[in-house]
Amino acid sequence: MANEKTGVFDASKLNQQKCPDCNGTGELRYDSENINENFEVEKQVIITPCERCNGTGFVQAG
C-alpha cells in the first residue's frame, strides 16, 4: 500500500455503505461462557472477521 504512509486516501470510499452486520467495524463479537475443570464459569469475547464485508466494514452499494 503506497498510500498508507502518505496519508492519501480514496475519496470514493467515503460514500460506501457501512456493513449492517458489523456496523462498519469489520469484525463480529460473540460473548461466550464456558465451564472449566473446576466448574467455574469463564466468560470471554470471541472476535472474528465479518464474513459479509470480508473484514472491510463496508458493503457494495446497490
C-alpha atoms as a PDB file:
ATOM      1  CA  MET A   1       0.000   0.000   0.000  1.00  0.00           C
ATOM      2  CA  ALA A   2       1.871   3.040  -1.255  1.00  0.00           C
ATOM      3  CA  ASN A   3      -0.844   5.402   0.004  1.00  0.00           C
ATOM      4  CA  GLU A   4      -0.659   4.145   3.572  1.00  0.00           C
ATOM      5  CA  LYS A   5       2.366   6.214   4.620  1.00  0.00           C
ATOM      6  CA  THR A   6       1.487   9.358   2.673  1.00  0.00           C
ATOM      7  CA  GLY A   7      -1.991   9.784   4.114  1.00  0.00           C
ATOM      8  CA  VAL A   8      -3.594   9.726   0.674  1.00  0.00           C
ATOM      9  CA  PHE A   9      -6.988   8.016   0.603  1.00  0.00           C
ATOM     10  CA  ASP A  10      -9.563   7.072  -1.985  1.00  0.00           C
ATOM     11  CA  ALA A  11     -12.379   9.657  -1.801  1.00  0.00           C
ATOM     12  CA  SER A  12     -14.831   7.190  -3.371  1.00  0.00           C
ATOM     13  CA  LYS A  13     -14.646   5.136  -0.184  1.00  0.00           C
ATOM     14  CA  LEU A  14     -16.338   7.946   1.754  1.00  0.00           C
ATOM     15  CA  ASN A  15     -19.629   7.140   0.028  1.00  0.00           C
ATOM     16  CA  GLN A  16     -19.558   3.409   0.754  1.00  0.00           C
ATOM     17  CA  GLN A  17     -22.342   1.876   2.800  1.00  0.00           C
ATOM     18  CA  LYS A  18     -21.364   0.526   6.230  1.00  0.00           C
ATOM     19  CA  CYS A  19     -21.890  -3.185   6.694  1.00  0.00           C
ATOM     20  CA  PRO A  20     -25.143  -3.756   8.622  1.00  0.00           C
ATOM     21  CA  ASP A  21     -23.833  -6.939  10.272  1.00  0.00           C
ATOM     22  CA  CYS A  22     -20.743  -5.420  11.927  1.00  0.00           C
ATOM     23  CA  ASN A  23     -21.769  -1.712  11.869  1.00  0.00           C
ATOM     24  CA  GLY A  24     -18.642  -0.814   9.911  1.00  0.00           C
ATOM     25  CA  THR A  25     -16.097  -2.301  12.311  1.00  0.00           C
ATOM     26  CA  GLY A  26     -15.152  -5.262  10.097  1.00  0.00           C
ATOM     27  CA  GLU A  27     -15.403  -7.698  12.992  1.00  0.00           C
ATOM     28  CA  LEU A  28     -18.059  -9.616  14.864  1.00  0.00           C
ATOM     29  CA  ARG A  29     -18.001 -10.105  18.636  1.00  0.00           C
ATOM     30  CA  TYR A  30     -19.656 -13.010  20.427  1.00  0.00           C
ATOM     31  CA  ASP A  31     -19.991 -13.356  24.189  1.00  0.00           C
ATOM     32  CA  SER A  32     -19.102 -16.871  25.261  1.00  0.00           C
ATOM     33  CA  GLU A  33     -19.362 -18.710  28.558  1.00  0.00           C
ATOM     34  CA  ASN A  34     -17.524 -21.943  29.261  1.00  0.00           C
ATOM     35  CA  ILE A  35     -17.265 -24.113  32.350  1.00  0.00           C
ATOM     36  CA  ASN A  36     -13.710 -25.092  33.234  1.00  0.00           C
ATOM     37  CA  GLU A  37     -12.454 -28.204  35.000  1.00  0.00           C
ATOM     38  CA  ASN A  38     -13.155 -26.575  38.398  1.00  0.00           C
ATOM     39  CA  PHE A  39     -16.803 -25.992  37.431  1.00  0.00           C
ATOM     40  CA  GLU A  40     -16.224 -22.248  37.265  1.00  0.00           C
ATOM     41  CA  VAL A  41     -17.857 -20.163  34.561  1.00  0.00           C
ATOM     42  CA  GLU A  42     -15.324 -18.454  32.320  1.00  0.00           C
ATOM     43  CA  LYS A  43     -16.581 -15.561  30.220  1.00  0.00           C
ATOM     44  CA  GLN A  44     -14.789 -14.404  27.098  1.00  0.00           C
ATOM     45  CA  VAL A  45     -15.433 -12.399  23.963  1.00  0.00           C
ATOM     46  CA  ILE A  46     -14.719 -14.106  20.666  1.00  0.00           C
ATOM     47  CA  ILE A  47     -13.761 -11.706  17.857  1.00  0.00           C
ATOM     48  CA  THR A  48     -13.961 -12.868  14.242  1.00  0.00           C
ATOM     49  CA  PRO A  49     -13.723 -11.061  10.897  1.00  0.00           C
ATOM     50  CA  CYS A  50     -17.117 -10.208   9.444  1.00  0.00           C
ATOM     51  CA  GLU A  51     -17.935 -12.597   6.614  1.00  0.00           C
ATOM     52  CA  ARG A  52     -20.443 -10.305   4.898  1.00  0.00           C
ATOM     53  CA  CYS A  53     -17.959  -7.476   4.249  1.00  0.00           C
ATOM     54  CA  ASN A  54     -14.808  -9.628   4.359  1.00  0.00           C
ATOM     55  CA  GLY A  55     -13.462  -7.595   7.291  1.00  0.00           C
ATOM     56  CA  THR A  56     -13.541  -4.238   5.488  1.00  0.00           C
ATOM     57  CA  GLY A  57     -16.540  -2.739   7.304  1.00  0.00           C
ATOM     58  CA  PHE A  58     -18.217  -1.727   4.059  1.00  0.00           C
ATOM     59  CA  VAL A  59     -20.536  -3.430   1.585  1.00  0.00           C
ATOM     60  CA  GLN A  60     -21.092  -2.722  -2.087  1.00  0.00           C
ATOM     61  CA  ALA A  61     -23.812  -0.141  -2.639  1.00  0.00           C
ATOM     62  CA  GLY A  62     -26.687  -1.471  -4.592  1.00  0.00           C
END
